[in-house]
Each structure stands twice: as C-alpha cells, then as structure tokens.
Amino acid sequence: MRKSFVAIFAVASLLPMVLVASPAGAAGGTSCATTSGVATFNPPLPPLGSKATVNGTFTAIGTVGKCVGGGVTTGHTKFVSDKGKTGSNCTTLISGKDTTGKVSAPTTGTLTTTWNTGKTSTAKVTLAAVKGKATQRLVSGPITAGLFKGMKTSGVVTYAVPATFCKTALKSLTYSQVGATVIK
C-alpha cells in the first residue's frame, strides 16, 4: 500500500511540469532542415549608391521541408513585413545599417505556415541582422495561433547576391536556410 501511495504521489508531483511543458495545440514542436523562397519588395529598393530610400514592405513566399516532429513534414510559408519606419535601399539592405550608419532596426512581420497536414501556424517574427554576416537574418518569434501555439520559431536565412545585385532597383531576391528552422 505504501509503495502505491509513493508512486501515485511521484506521478502527481510531475503532472504540473508535464502540463507546463506542452502548450495547447503544440504537438511537440518540429525542426525543418530546408527553407527557400522569394522575397518581393513593394516598392522596389533603390539601387546601390542611391541616396533615395523607401518606407515599404516585403512579402516572402517559400517552403520548409524535411521537417521532423510535430506530425508535419513540409509547409508553405508566407511572410508579410510591417511597413518600414526608416528609409531602406540596396545599401541599407546589404550593409545592415540605416542611412545614418547605425545598425538597422530589425524588420517585424507575420509569418504564416500552412503545413502538409492542412493545419496552419501564425507567428509574429523579427528579422535581425546576423553580426558579421551581411546577407543573413535571424528569423525568430512566438507562434501566436494555430499548430505549435505557445512555442517559438527560430532559424537563420541567407539571401542570394547575384552579379547584377542592385545595379537597378531591387524588386525581389531569393533566400535559403542556414542550419535548421526549429519550433520548440
């Protein structure tokens, strides 16, 4: 009888930790090995060397793949940035600095992932410059709705810099993942 009481007490004492560790709808998180897509600027960013700037938005449409965990394997992504508050152009994009030479403020926006299961996740994310890596951005933030709600997403993306990069106004660019995108 005493052993049964001890076992029940031990299980009961762990219950709050189990409940806290698994937010509603979380399904245990996931890690995706691939991410890629195209980001489109509206309006286009003025070319390198231009002093002109725009306070625009950008939309990135892409995919995540080779996901493990959480019952998902792939997903379609759509990121819509909030409108810029400081002027941007190709020079600020490539340098990670604003027009005064200070580190650019992170870009914020909403990332929606539609998973292969038909479920969606919505996250409020920040894209921040990665120190020493001009073409990389850390994408991170909380999942605010849907699958994995209550968890956080984090990953680094890099954008391609072709030979003709920003010789004219930049309408779009491609991006891919560095490492893995993790939701936990």
C-alpha atoms as a PDB file:
ATOM      1  CA  MET A   1       0.000   0.000   0.000  1.00  0.00           C
ATOM      2  CA  ARG A   2       2.788   2.406   0.935  1.00  0.00           C
ATOM      3  CA  LYS A   3       4.612   1.768  -2.399  1.00  0.00           C
ATOM      4  CA  SER A   4       1.393   2.533  -4.312  1.00  0.00           C
ATOM      5  CA  PHE A   5       0.962   5.802  -2.428  1.00  0.00           C
ATOM      6  CA  VAL A   6       4.577   6.826  -3.145  1.00  0.00           C
ATOM      7  CA  ALA A   7       4.167   6.004  -6.859  1.00  0.00           C
ATOM      8  CA  ILE A   8       0.896   7.979  -7.112  1.00  0.00           C
ATOM      9  CA  PHE A   9       2.450  10.910  -5.239  1.00  0.00           C
ATOM     10  CA  ALA A  10       5.508  10.877  -7.556  1.00  0.00           C
ATOM     11  CA  VAL A  11       3.348  10.869 -10.692  1.00  0.00           C
ATOM     12  CA  ALA A  12       1.048  13.564  -9.277  1.00  0.00           C
ATOM     13  CA  SER A  13       4.021  15.785  -8.415  1.00  0.00           C
ATOM     14  CA  LEU A  14       5.272  15.598 -12.025  1.00  0.00           C
ATOM     15  CA  LEU A  15       1.899  16.465 -13.572  1.00  0.00           C
ATOM     16  CA  PRO A  16       2.331  20.277 -13.355  1.00  0.00           C
ATOM     17  CA  MET A  17       5.665  20.033 -15.219  1.00  0.00           C
ATOM     18  CA  VAL A  18       4.106  17.946 -17.987  1.00  0.00           C
ATOM     19  CA  LEU A  19       1.226  20.409 -18.356  1.00  0.00           C
ATOM     20  CA  VAL A  20       3.567  23.414 -18.494  1.00  0.00           C
ATOM     21  CA  ALA A  21       5.947  21.762 -20.977  1.00  0.00           C
ATOM     22  CA  SER A  22       3.232  21.104 -23.589  1.00  0.00           C
ATOM     23  CA  PRO A  23       1.212  24.202 -24.603  1.00  0.00           C
ATOM     24  CA  ALA A  24      -2.238  23.560 -26.053  1.00  0.00           C
ATOM     25  CA  GLY A  25      -2.066  22.635 -29.728  1.00  0.00           C
ATOM     26  CA  ALA A  26       1.734  22.455 -29.651  1.00  0.00           C
ATOM     27  CA  ALA A  27       2.122  18.856 -30.824  1.00  0.00           C
ATOM     28  CA  GLY A  28       5.734  18.722 -29.563  1.00  0.00           C
ATOM     29  CA  GLY A  29       7.465  21.136 -31.953  1.00  0.00           C
ATOM     30  CA  THR A  30       9.377  20.440 -35.147  1.00  0.00           C
ATOM     31  CA  SER A  31      12.729  21.020 -36.842  1.00  0.00           C
ATOM     32  CA  CYS A  32      12.895  21.682 -40.598  1.00  0.00           C
ATOM     33  CA  ALA A  33      16.161  21.115 -42.474  1.00  0.00           C
ATOM     34  CA  THR A  34      15.298  23.190 -45.571  1.00  0.00           C
ATOM     35  CA  THR A  35      13.797  26.612 -46.253  1.00  0.00           C
ATOM     36  CA  SER A  36      13.763  28.555 -49.502  1.00  0.00           C
ATOM     37  CA  GLY A  37      11.731  31.138 -51.360  1.00  0.00           C
ATOM     38  CA  VAL A  38      11.486  34.562 -52.962  1.00  0.00           C
ATOM     39  CA  ALA A  39      11.106  37.928 -51.227  1.00  0.00           C
ATOM     40  CA  THR A  40       9.414  40.747 -53.175  1.00  0.00           C
ATOM     41  CA  PHE A  41       9.827  44.416 -52.206  1.00  0.00           C
ATOM     42  CA  ASN A  42       6.975  46.928 -52.535  1.00  0.00           C
ATOM     43  CA  PRO A  43       8.060  49.423 -53.719  1.00  0.00           C
ATOM     44  CA  PRO A  44      11.370  48.123 -55.110  1.00  0.00           C
ATOM     45  CA  LEU A  45      14.502  49.173 -53.200  1.00  0.00           C
ATOM     46  CA  PRO A  46      16.554  51.965 -54.831  1.00  0.00           C
ATOM     47  CA  PRO A  47      19.869  50.674 -56.282  1.00  0.00           C
ATOM     48  CA  LEU A  48      23.317  50.681 -54.675  1.00  0.00           C
ATOM     49  CA  GLY A  49      24.789  54.159 -54.461  1.00  0.00           C
ATOM     50  CA  SER A  50      21.387  55.859 -54.470  1.00  0.00           C
ATOM     51  CA  LYS A  51      20.600  58.229 -51.632  1.00  0.00           C
ATOM     52  CA  ALA A  52      16.874  57.665 -52.239  1.00  0.00           C
ATOM     53  CA  THR A  53      15.076  55.462 -49.710  1.00  0.00           C
ATOM     54  CA  VAL A  54      11.621  53.911 -49.431  1.00  0.00           C
ATOM     55  CA  ASN A  55       9.416  53.019 -46.469  1.00  0.00           C
ATOM     56  CA  GLY A  56       7.897  49.901 -47.926  1.00  0.00           C
ATOM     57  CA  THR A  57       7.010  46.323 -47.162  1.00  0.00           C
ATOM     58  CA  PHE A  58       8.126  42.993 -48.476  1.00  0.00           C
ATOM     59  CA  THR A  59       6.452  39.651 -48.887  1.00  0.00           C
ATOM     60  CA  ALA A  60       8.381  36.377 -48.830  1.00  0.00           C
ATOM     61  CA  ILE A  61       6.760  33.264 -50.250  1.00  0.00           C
ATOM     62  CA  GLY A  62       8.517  29.941 -49.738  1.00  0.00           C
ATOM     63  CA  THR A  63       8.624  26.425 -48.383  1.00  0.00           C
ATOM     64  CA  VAL A  64      10.039  24.488 -45.458  1.00  0.00           C
ATOM     65  CA  GLY A  65      10.914  20.829 -45.837  1.00  0.00           C
ATOM     66  CA  LYS A  66      12.472  17.759 -44.286  1.00  0.00           C
ATOM     67  CA  CYS A  67      10.645  18.554 -41.044  1.00  0.00           C
ATOM     68  CA  VAL A  68      10.894  16.108 -38.158  1.00  0.00           C
ATOM     69  CA  GLY A  69       8.481  16.143 -35.215  1.00  0.00           C
ATOM     70  CA  GLY A  70       5.053  17.575 -34.534  1.00  0.00           C
ATOM     71  CA  GLY A  71       3.379  15.394 -37.165  1.00  0.00           C
ATOM     72  CA  VAL A  72       4.466  17.631 -40.077  1.00  0.00           C
ATOM     73  CA  THR A  73       6.986  17.084 -42.895  1.00  0.00           C
ATOM     74  CA  THR A  74       6.677  20.141 -45.176  1.00  0.00           C
ATOM     75  CA  GLY A  75       4.977  23.509 -45.309  1.00  0.00           C
ATOM     76  CA  HIS A  76       4.284  26.562 -47.457  1.00  0.00           C
ATOM     77  CA  THR A  77       5.295  29.866 -45.883  1.00  0.00           C
ATOM     78  CA  LYS A  78       4.227  33.470 -46.335  1.00  0.00           C
ATOM     79  CA  PHE A  79       5.884  36.355 -44.515  1.00  0.00           C
ATOM     80  CA  VAL A  80       4.442  39.870 -44.742  1.00  0.00           C
ATOM     81  CA  SER A  81       6.559  42.596 -43.178  1.00  0.00           C
ATOM     82  CA  ASP A  82       5.211  45.531 -41.279  1.00  0.00           C
ATOM     83  CA  LYS A  83       5.717  48.820 -43.133  1.00  0.00           C
ATOM     84  CA  GLY A  84       9.236  50.181 -42.738  1.00  0.00           C
ATOM     85  CA  LYS A  85       9.662  53.136 -40.401  1.00  0.00           C
ATOM     86  CA  THR A  86      13.090  54.183 -41.620  1.00  0.00           C
ATOM     87  CA  GLY A  87      14.165  54.530 -45.211  1.00  0.00           C
ATOM     88  CA  SER A  88      15.625  51.496 -46.964  1.00  0.00           C
ATOM     89  CA  ASN A  89      17.553  50.951 -50.153  1.00  0.00           C
ATOM     90  CA  CYS A  90      20.019  48.385 -51.504  1.00  0.00           C
ATOM     91  CA  THR A  91      22.843  49.933 -49.488  1.00  0.00           C
ATOM     92  CA  THR A  92      20.968  49.574 -46.187  1.00  0.00           C
ATOM     93  CA  LEU A  93      19.965  46.006 -47.108  1.00  0.00           C
ATOM     94  CA  ILE A  94      23.495  44.806 -47.866  1.00  0.00           C
ATOM     95  CA  SER A  95      25.192  46.721 -45.051  1.00  0.00           C
ATOM     96  CA  GLY A  96      22.676  46.006 -42.292  1.00  0.00           C
ATOM     97  CA  LYS A  97      22.970  49.686 -41.346  1.00  0.00           C
ATOM     98  CA  ASP A  98      20.499  52.549 -41.681  1.00  0.00           C
ATOM     99  CA  THR A  99      21.217  55.750 -43.626  1.00  0.00           C
ATOM    100  CA  THR A 100      22.983  57.267 -40.593  1.00  0.00           C
ATOM    101  CA  GLY A 101      25.386  54.325 -40.321  1.00  0.00           C
ATOM    102  CA  LYS A 102      23.766  52.771 -37.234  1.00  0.00           C
ATOM    103  CA  VAL A 103      22.747  49.102 -37.130  1.00  0.00           C
ATOM    104  CA  SER A 104      19.364  48.803 -38.839  1.00  0.00           C
ATOM    105  CA  ALA A 105      16.352  48.144 -36.651  1.00  0.00           C
ATOM    106  CA  PRO A 106      15.054  44.592 -37.074  1.00  0.00           C
ATOM    107  CA  THR A 107      12.222  44.021 -39.532  1.00  0.00           C
ATOM    108  CA  THR A 108       8.993  42.725 -38.000  1.00  0.00           C
ATOM    109  CA  GLY A 109       6.037  40.988 -39.557  1.00  0.00           C
ATOM    110  CA  THR A 110       3.734  37.998 -39.646  1.00  0.00           C
ATOM    111  CA  LEU A 111       4.812  34.543 -40.800  1.00  0.00           C
ATOM    112  CA  THR A 112       2.109  32.029 -41.697  1.00  0.00           C
ATOM    113  CA  THR A 113       2.980  28.396 -42.397  1.00  0.00           C
ATOM    114  CA  THR A 114       0.460  26.047 -43.970  1.00  0.00           C
ATOM    115  CA  TRP A 115       1.668  22.541 -43.125  1.00  0.00           C
ATOM    116  CA  ASN A 116       1.288  19.393 -45.227  1.00  0.00           C
ATOM    117  CA  THR A 117      -1.435  18.324 -42.782  1.00  0.00           C
ATOM    118  CA  GLY A 118      -3.584  21.339 -43.699  1.00  0.00           C
ATOM    119  CA  LYS A 119      -3.040  22.954 -40.287  1.00  0.00           C
ATOM    120  CA  THR A 120      -1.503  26.419 -40.034  1.00  0.00           C
ATOM    121  CA  SER A 121       0.851  28.218 -37.668  1.00  0.00           C
ATOM    122  CA  THR A 122       0.973  32.003 -37.348  1.00  0.00           C
ATOM    123  CA  ALA A 123       3.997  33.706 -35.815  1.00  0.00           C
ATOM    124  CA  LYS A 124       4.925  37.306 -35.068  1.00  0.00           C
ATOM    125  CA  VAL A 125       8.592  37.321 -36.062  1.00  0.00           C
ATOM    126  CA  THR A 126      11.576  39.615 -36.145  1.00  0.00           C
ATOM    127  CA  LEU A 127      14.286  39.516 -38.816  1.00  0.00           C
ATOM    128  CA  ALA A 128      17.524  40.731 -37.280  1.00  0.00           C
ATOM    129  CA  ALA A 129      20.941  41.142 -38.899  1.00  0.00           C
ATOM    130  CA  VAL A 130      23.474  38.449 -38.014  1.00  0.00           C
ATOM    131  CA  LYS A 131      26.693  40.077 -36.827  1.00  0.00           C
ATOM    132  CA  GLY A 132      29.444  39.721 -39.422  1.00  0.00           C
ATOM    133  CA  LYS A 133      27.086  38.120 -41.991  1.00  0.00           C
ATOM    134  CA  ALA A 134      25.686  40.890 -44.203  1.00  0.00           C
ATOM    135  CA  THR A 135      23.375  38.609 -46.182  1.00  0.00           C
ATOM    136  CA  GLN A 136      21.972  36.660 -43.223  1.00  0.00           C
ATOM    137  CA  ARG A 137      18.984  37.335 -40.991  1.00  0.00           C
ATOM    138  CA  LEU A 138      17.886  35.610 -37.796  1.00  0.00           C
ATOM    139  CA  VAL A 139      14.151  34.947 -38.030  1.00  0.00           C
ATOM    140  CA  SER A 140      12.606  34.398 -34.599  1.00  0.00           C
ATOM    141  CA  GLY A 141       9.441  34.902 -32.626  1.00  0.00           C
ATOM    142  CA  PRO A 142       6.465  33.354 -30.868  1.00  0.00           C
ATOM    143  CA  ILE A 143       3.842  31.186 -32.551  1.00  0.00           C
ATOM    144  CA  THR A 144       0.686  33.158 -31.754  1.00  0.00           C
ATOM    145  CA  ALA A 145      -2.015  30.961 -33.329  1.00  0.00           C
ATOM    146  CA  GLY A 146      -2.638  27.502 -34.733  1.00  0.00           C
ATOM    147  CA  LEU A 147      -0.385  24.473 -34.600  1.00  0.00           C
ATOM    148  CA  PHE A 148       2.533  24.938 -32.165  1.00  0.00           C
ATOM    149  CA  LYS A 149       0.830  27.938 -30.476  1.00  0.00           C
ATOM    150  CA  GLY A 150       2.810  28.982 -27.416  1.00  0.00           C
ATOM    151  CA  MET A 151       6.126  27.784 -28.832  1.00  0.00           C
ATOM    152  CA  LYS A 152       8.848  29.848 -30.537  1.00  0.00           C
ATOM    153  CA  THR A 153      10.321  29.619 -34.015  1.00  0.00           C
ATOM    154  CA  SER A 154      13.947  30.368 -34.796  1.00  0.00           C
ATOM    155  CA  GLY A 155      16.210  29.997 -37.829  1.00  0.00           C
ATOM    156  CA  VAL A 156      18.711  31.843 -39.996  1.00  0.00           C
ATOM    157  CA  VAL A 157      18.159  32.607 -43.675  1.00  0.00           C
ATOM    158  CA  THR A 158      20.579  33.995 -46.219  1.00  0.00           C
ATOM    159  CA  TYR A 159      19.730  35.822 -49.405  1.00  0.00           C
ATOM    160  CA  ALA A 160      21.468  35.430 -52.732  1.00  0.00           C
ATOM    161  CA  VAL A 161      23.611  38.255 -54.095  1.00  0.00           C
ATOM    162  CA  PRO A 162      23.856  37.761 -57.902  1.00  0.00           C
ATOM    163  CA  ALA A 163      26.430  39.653 -60.008  1.00  0.00           C
ATOM    164  CA  THR A 164      23.723  42.124 -61.081  1.00  0.00           C
ATOM    165  CA  PHE A 165      22.591  42.704 -57.483  1.00  0.00           C
ATOM    166  CA  CYS A 166      21.083  46.175 -57.091  1.00  0.00           C
ATOM    167  CA  LYS A 167      22.511  47.706 -60.265  1.00  0.00           C
ATOM    168  CA  THR A 168      18.904  48.786 -60.769  1.00  0.00           C
ATOM    169  CA  ALA A 169      16.003  48.954 -58.300  1.00  0.00           C
ATOM    170  CA  LEU A 170      15.666  45.644 -56.439  1.00  0.00           C
ATOM    171  CA  LYS A 171      12.250  44.070 -56.926  1.00  0.00           C
ATOM    172  CA  SER A 172      12.955  40.637 -55.451  1.00  0.00           C
ATOM    173  CA  LEU A 173      15.611  38.221 -54.248  1.00  0.00           C
ATOM    174  CA  THR A 174      15.846  34.540 -53.359  1.00  0.00           C
ATOM    175  CA  TYR A 175      16.626  33.187 -49.928  1.00  0.00           C
ATOM    176  CA  SER A 176      17.554  29.856 -48.367  1.00  0.00           C
ATOM    177  CA  GLN A 177      18.214  28.466 -44.939  1.00  0.00           C
ATOM    178  CA  VAL A 178      21.421  28.296 -42.901  1.00  0.00           C
ATOM    179  CA  GLY A 179      21.158  25.436 -40.391  1.00  0.00           C
ATOM    180  CA  ALA A 180      17.656  24.370 -39.333  1.00  0.00           C
ATOM    181  CA  THR A 181      14.415  26.143 -38.541  1.00  0.00           C
ATOM    182  CA  VAL A 182      13.306  24.993 -35.116  1.00  0.00           C
ATOM    183  CA  ILE A 183       9.946  25.354 -33.394  1.00  0.00           C
ATOM    184  CA  LYS A 184      10.063  24.465 -29.708  1.00  0.00           C
END
